[in-house]
Amino acid sequence: MSPDLTGAEFHKSSLSGVTTDNCVEVATNLPGLVAVRDSKDLSGPTLAFTPAQWRSFVGRVRTGAFDA
């Protein structure tokens, strides 16, 4: 079952720059859901996380857990 993304307000990081299309966009305005999509494919697939899952993922990114 796909989550209802009606009303999702997606935003790119301010660090992405205005003309950069190599970004992800995140919507945090939906209750109990964080939605993530590719800025190059706005009608493409969207990942959905609970807020706790999203915080955990971002925390691991910040600590370098996924660096090769």
N, C-alpha and C. Protein backbone atom coordinates (compact mmCIF):
# COMPACT_ATOMS: atom_id res chain seq x y z
N MET A 1 0.84 -1.18 0.00
CA MET A 1 0.00 0.00 0.00
C MET A 1 0.88 1.24 0.00
N SER A 2 0.61 2.16 -0.89
CA SER A 2 1.38 3.39 -0.98
C SER A 2 0.80 4.44 -0.05
N PRO A 3 1.67 5.23 0.59
CA PRO A 3 1.16 6.28 1.46
C PRO A 3 0.52 7.40 0.63
N ASP A 4 -0.40 8.11 1.23
CA ASP A 4 -1.06 9.23 0.59
C ASP A 4 -0.14 10.45 0.68
N LEU A 5 0.36 10.89 -0.46
CA LEU A 5 1.29 12.03 -0.48
C LEU A 5 0.59 13.32 -0.90
N THR A 6 -0.73 13.30 -0.92
CA THR A 6 -1.48 14.51 -1.24
C THR A 6 -1.11 15.60 -0.25
N GLY A 7 -0.73 16.73 -0.74
CA GLY A 7 -0.36 17.85 0.13
C GLY A 7 1.10 17.86 0.55
N ALA A 8 1.88 16.89 0.09
CA ALA A 8 3.31 16.86 0.45
C ALA A 8 4.01 18.10 -0.11
N GLU A 9 4.77 18.76 0.73
CA GLU A 9 5.54 19.94 0.34
C GLU A 9 7.01 19.57 0.35
N PHE A 10 7.54 19.26 -0.83
CA PHE A 10 8.93 18.83 -0.96
C PHE A 10 9.87 20.02 -1.01
N HIS A 11 11.04 19.85 -0.37
CA HIS A 11 12.05 20.90 -0.33
C HIS A 11 13.43 20.29 -0.56
N LYS A 12 14.28 21.05 -1.29
CA LYS A 12 15.68 20.66 -1.45
C LYS A 12 16.49 21.38 -0.38
N SER A 13 17.64 20.83 -0.07
CA SER A 13 18.55 21.48 0.86
C SER A 13 19.01 22.81 0.27
N SER A 14 19.19 23.80 1.12
CA SER A 14 19.71 25.09 0.66
C SER A 14 21.15 24.94 0.17
N LEU A 15 21.82 23.87 0.55
CA LEU A 15 23.19 23.62 0.09
C LEU A 15 23.23 23.08 -1.34
N SER A 16 22.07 22.71 -1.89
CA SER A 16 22.02 22.13 -3.22
C SER A 16 22.24 23.16 -4.32
N GLY A 17 21.95 24.39 -4.05
CA GLY A 17 22.05 25.42 -5.08
C GLY A 17 20.76 25.47 -5.89
N VAL A 18 20.59 26.54 -6.61
CA VAL A 18 19.34 26.76 -7.34
C VAL A 18 19.28 25.93 -8.61
N THR A 19 20.38 25.80 -9.33
CA THR A 19 20.34 25.14 -10.64
C THR A 19 20.73 23.66 -10.59
N THR A 20 21.06 23.15 -9.45
CA THR A 20 21.48 21.75 -9.34
C THR A 20 20.26 20.83 -9.34
N ASP A 21 20.28 19.84 -10.24
CA ASP A 21 19.19 18.88 -10.29
C ASP A 21 19.61 17.53 -9.72
N ASN A 22 20.80 17.42 -9.16
CA ASN A 22 21.29 16.17 -8.58
C ASN A 22 21.01 16.16 -7.09
N CYS A 23 19.75 16.18 -6.73
CA CYS A 23 19.39 16.33 -5.33
C CYS A 23 18.25 15.39 -4.97
N VAL A 24 18.06 15.24 -3.69
CA VAL A 24 16.84 14.63 -3.20
C VAL A 24 15.99 15.75 -2.61
N GLU A 25 14.71 15.53 -2.60
CA GLU A 25 13.78 16.46 -1.98
C GLU A 25 13.06 15.72 -0.86
N VAL A 26 12.80 16.43 0.22
CA VAL A 26 12.20 15.83 1.40
C VAL A 26 10.93 16.60 1.78
N ALA A 27 9.89 15.87 2.11
CA ALA A 27 8.66 16.47 2.62
C ALA A 27 8.45 15.99 4.05
N THR A 28 8.36 16.94 4.97
CA THR A 28 8.19 16.59 6.38
C THR A 28 6.87 17.13 6.94
N ASN A 29 5.99 17.60 6.08
CA ASN A 29 4.75 18.21 6.56
C ASN A 29 3.58 17.23 6.69
N LEU A 30 3.79 15.96 6.39
CA LEU A 30 2.71 14.98 6.50
C LEU A 30 2.77 14.28 7.86
N PRO A 31 1.65 14.11 8.53
CA PRO A 31 1.66 13.49 9.86
C PRO A 31 2.20 12.06 9.83
N GLY A 32 3.21 11.80 10.63
CA GLY A 32 3.77 10.45 10.77
C GLY A 32 4.53 9.94 9.57
N LEU A 33 4.93 10.83 8.66
CA LEU A 33 5.56 10.40 7.42
C LEU A 33 6.60 11.41 6.96
N VAL A 34 7.73 10.91 6.51
CA VAL A 34 8.74 11.72 5.82
C VAL A 34 8.89 11.11 4.43
N ALA A 35 8.64 11.91 3.41
CA ALA A 35 8.72 11.43 2.03
C ALA A 35 9.97 11.98 1.36
N VAL A 36 10.62 11.14 0.55
CA VAL A 36 11.88 11.51 -0.11
C VAL A 36 11.78 11.13 -1.57
N ARG A 37 12.19 12.05 -2.46
CA ARG A 37 12.16 11.76 -3.90
C ARG A 37 13.37 12.37 -4.59
N ASP A 38 13.61 11.93 -5.81
CA ASP A 38 14.70 12.42 -6.65
C ASP A 38 14.25 13.69 -7.34
N SER A 39 15.01 14.76 -7.24
CA SER A 39 14.61 16.03 -7.84
C SER A 39 14.59 15.99 -9.37
N LYS A 40 15.26 15.02 -9.97
CA LYS A 40 15.26 14.89 -11.43
C LYS A 40 14.02 14.17 -11.94
N ASP A 41 13.30 13.48 -11.09
CA ASP A 41 12.16 12.66 -11.49
C ASP A 41 11.01 12.89 -10.51
N LEU A 42 10.38 14.05 -10.61
CA LEU A 42 9.37 14.44 -9.63
C LEU A 42 8.15 13.53 -9.62
N SER A 43 7.87 12.88 -10.72
CA SER A 43 6.72 11.96 -10.74
C SER A 43 7.15 10.51 -10.55
N GLY A 44 8.43 10.30 -10.28
CA GLY A 44 8.96 8.95 -10.08
C GLY A 44 8.66 8.44 -8.69
N PRO A 45 9.31 7.35 -8.31
CA PRO A 45 9.04 6.74 -7.01
C PRO A 45 9.45 7.64 -5.84
N THR A 46 8.76 7.45 -4.74
CA THR A 46 9.02 8.21 -3.52
C THR A 46 9.24 7.21 -2.39
N LEU A 47 10.26 7.45 -1.59
CA LEU A 47 10.51 6.63 -0.41
C LEU A 47 9.75 7.24 0.76
N ALA A 48 9.24 6.40 1.64
CA ALA A 48 8.50 6.88 2.80
C ALA A 48 9.11 6.31 4.06
N PHE A 49 9.34 7.17 5.04
CA PHE A 49 9.94 6.80 6.32
C PHE A 49 9.05 7.30 7.44
N THR A 50 9.11 6.65 8.58
CA THR A 50 8.53 7.27 9.77
C THR A 50 9.51 8.35 10.20
N PRO A 51 9.07 9.33 10.97
CA PRO A 51 10.01 10.34 11.44
C PRO A 51 11.20 9.74 12.21
N ALA A 52 10.97 8.70 13.00
CA ALA A 52 12.06 8.07 13.75
C ALA A 52 13.06 7.40 12.80
N GLN A 53 12.57 6.73 11.77
CA GLN A 53 13.46 6.10 10.79
C GLN A 53 14.29 7.17 10.07
N TRP A 54 13.65 8.28 9.71
CA TRP A 54 14.35 9.35 9.01
C TRP A 54 15.44 9.96 9.90
N ARG A 55 15.13 10.22 11.16
CA ARG A 55 16.13 10.77 12.09
C ARG A 55 17.31 9.81 12.22
N SER A 56 17.03 8.52 12.32
CA SER A 56 18.09 7.52 12.44
C SER A 56 18.97 7.52 11.18
N PHE A 57 18.35 7.54 10.02
CA PHE A 57 19.10 7.55 8.76
C PHE A 57 19.98 8.79 8.66
N VAL A 58 19.41 9.96 8.89
CA VAL A 58 20.17 11.21 8.80
C VAL A 58 21.30 11.21 9.82
N GLY A 59 21.05 10.72 11.02
CA GLY A 59 22.10 10.64 12.03
C GLY A 59 23.26 9.76 11.59
N ARG A 60 22.96 8.64 10.95
CA ARG A 60 24.01 7.74 10.47
C ARG A 60 24.77 8.37 9.31
N VAL A 61 24.08 9.11 8.45
CA VAL A 61 24.77 9.82 7.36
C VAL A 61 25.75 10.82 7.95
N ARG A 62 25.31 11.56 8.93
CA ARG A 62 26.17 12.60 9.55
C ARG A 62 27.41 12.02 10.22
N THR A 63 27.30 10.80 10.74
CA THR A 63 28.47 10.19 11.40
C THR A 63 29.36 9.45 10.42
N GLY A 64 28.96 9.41 9.13
CA GLY A 64 29.79 8.74 8.13
C GLY A 64 29.58 7.24 8.05
N ALA A 65 28.50 6.74 8.59
CA ALA A 65 28.25 5.30 8.62
C ALA A 65 28.17 4.67 7.24
N PHE A 66 27.85 5.46 6.21
CA PHE A 66 27.70 4.92 4.86
C PHE A 66 28.88 5.27 3.95
N ASP A 67 29.89 5.95 4.48
CA ASP A 67 31.05 6.31 3.67
C ASP A 67 31.83 5.07 3.30
N ALA A 68 32.24 5.01 2.08
CA ALA A 68 33.00 3.84 1.62
C ALA A 68 34.47 3.99 1.95
